Amino acid sequence: MVDQDATGNYSYEIGGRMFFEASVYGLTFTSFTTSGFFDRLGYEEPKRPLSIFESVFFRKVLPITFGVIVALLTTAYKIYQYKEKRRQELREALADSRAFKKSRTKTN
């Protein structure tokens, strides 16, 4: 079978393995079938190309980029909260100042 594979007309061996199947017939039973593989000694599977999900982009670049974006968005939100708090404090201070001025003008 190996010699026939070498001619290129047959392909019994695929990926370093050759499949076999054996049947036995007897008087008291119709058939007994077994199957298996013969592995070629020293055969190494060829390296497969990396899939898109195993590439450097998905394993390193994308997580780092995602982390940087999350950090930037978190920082921007914290700055927004700080500025909004300061605006609120200024509004309250302005309202207090106006109330103080009104109370002074009423008493005069």
Protein backbone atom coordinates (compact mmCIF):
# COMPACT_ATOMS: atom_id res chain seq x y z
CA MET A 1 0.00 0.00 0.00
CA VAL A 2 2.88 2.36 0.75
CA ASP A 3 4.38 1.65 -2.68
CA GLN A 4 1.03 2.37 -4.36
CA ASP A 5 0.80 5.65 -2.46
CA ALA A 6 4.26 6.60 -3.73
CA THR A 7 3.09 6.29 -7.34
CA GLY A 8 0.44 8.96 -6.70
CA ASN A 9 -2.43 6.85 -8.05
CA TYR A 10 -3.71 5.90 -4.61
CA SER A 11 -3.92 7.61 -1.25
CA TYR A 12 -4.11 4.99 1.44
CA GLU A 13 -1.91 6.97 3.79
CA ILE A 14 -3.14 10.38 4.88
CA GLY A 15 -1.42 12.47 7.51
CA GLY A 16 1.04 9.72 8.44
CA ARG A 17 -1.73 7.22 9.19
CA MET A 18 -3.07 4.32 7.25
CA PHE A 19 -6.57 3.10 8.05
CA PHE A 20 -7.25 -0.61 8.11
CA GLU A 21 -10.38 -2.66 8.43
CA ALA A 22 -10.57 -6.44 8.89
CA SER A 23 -13.56 -8.74 8.67
CA VAL A 24 -13.76 -12.35 9.83
CA TYR A 25 -16.42 -14.81 8.73
CA GLY A 26 -17.14 -18.09 10.45
CA LEU A 27 -19.72 -20.85 10.74
CA THR A 28 -21.39 -19.56 13.90
CA PHE A 29 -21.34 -15.85 13.13
CA THR A 30 -21.72 -13.77 10.02
CA SER A 31 -18.93 -11.26 10.45
CA PHE A 32 -16.64 -9.64 12.94
CA THR A 33 -15.18 -6.31 11.86
CA THR A 34 -12.39 -4.37 13.46
CA SER A 35 -10.64 -1.26 12.28
CA GLY A 36 -7.78 0.96 13.30
CA PHE A 37 -4.80 2.96 12.14
CA PHE A 38 -1.18 2.21 11.44
CA ASP A 39 0.97 5.21 12.30
CA ARG A 40 4.10 5.87 10.30
CA LEU A 41 7.15 5.79 12.55
CA GLY A 42 8.78 9.21 12.85
CA TYR A 43 6.02 11.05 10.99
CA GLU A 44 5.51 14.65 12.12
CA GLU A 45 2.43 16.59 11.20
CA PRO A 46 3.12 19.71 9.18
CA LYS A 47 2.71 22.97 11.05
CA ARG A 48 -0.62 24.53 10.35
CA PRO A 49 -0.85 28.26 9.76
CA LEU A 50 -2.10 30.34 12.64
CA SER A 51 -5.76 31.18 12.52
CA ILE A 52 -6.82 34.80 12.74
CA PHE A 53 -7.70 34.34 16.43
CA GLU A 54 -4.20 33.00 17.22
CA SER A 55 -2.44 35.87 15.49
CA VAL A 56 -0.38 38.49 17.29
CA PHE A 57 -3.14 41.01 16.62
CA PHE A 58 -5.75 39.10 18.62
CA ARG A 59 -3.38 37.90 21.31
CA LYS A 60 -1.49 41.14 22.05
CA VAL A 61 -2.49 44.22 20.07
CA LEU A 62 -6.26 43.98 20.58
CA PRO A 63 -6.18 43.46 24.38
CA ILE A 64 -3.66 46.29 24.85
CA THR A 65 -5.72 48.62 22.65
CA PHE A 66 -8.88 47.67 24.53
CA GLY A 67 -7.15 48.37 27.86
CA VAL A 68 -5.92 51.76 26.69
CA ILE A 69 -9.41 52.71 25.45
CA VAL A 70 -10.98 51.66 28.77
CA ALA A 71 -8.36 53.67 30.69
CA LEU A 72 -8.96 56.75 28.51
CA LEU A 73 -12.73 56.51 28.87
CA THR A 74 -12.44 56.08 32.64
CA THR A 75 -10.12 59.09 32.87
CA ALA A 76 -12.44 61.20 30.72
CA TYR A 77 -15.42 60.23 32.88
CA LYS A 78 -13.54 61.08 36.10
CA ILE A 79 -12.55 64.49 34.65
CA TYR A 80 -16.17 65.09 33.66
CA GLN A 81 -17.32 64.22 37.21
CA TYR A 82 -14.72 66.57 38.73
CA LYS A 83 -15.69 69.45 36.43
CA GLU A 84 -19.39 68.86 37.05
CA LYS A 85 -18.79 68.93 40.82
CA ARG A 86 -16.85 72.20 40.49
CA ARG A 87 -19.64 73.71 38.36
CA GLN A 88 -22.19 72.72 40.97
CA GLU A 89 -20.07 74.26 43.73
CA LEU A 90 -19.76 77.49 41.71
CA ARG A 91 -23.52 77.55 41.08
CA GLU A 92 -24.16 77.15 44.79
CA ALA A 93 -21.62 79.84 45.65
CA LEU A 94 -23.19 82.20 43.09
CA ALA A 95 -26.66 81.49 44.44
CA ASP A 96 -25.45 82.15 48.00
CA SER A 97 -23.79 85.38 46.88
CA ARG A 98 -26.99 86.57 45.15
CA ALA A 99 -29.05 85.67 48.21
CA PHE A 100 -26.61 87.58 50.40
CA LYS A 101 -26.81 90.65 48.13
CA LYS A 102 -30.62 90.51 48.16
CA SER A 103 -30.69 90.30 51.93
CA ARG A 104 -28.34 93.29 52.20
CA THR A 105 -30.41 95.41 49.84
CA LYS A 106 -33.60 94.61 51.79
CA THR A 107 -32.09 95.62 55.09
CA ASN A 108 -30.72 98.95 53.75
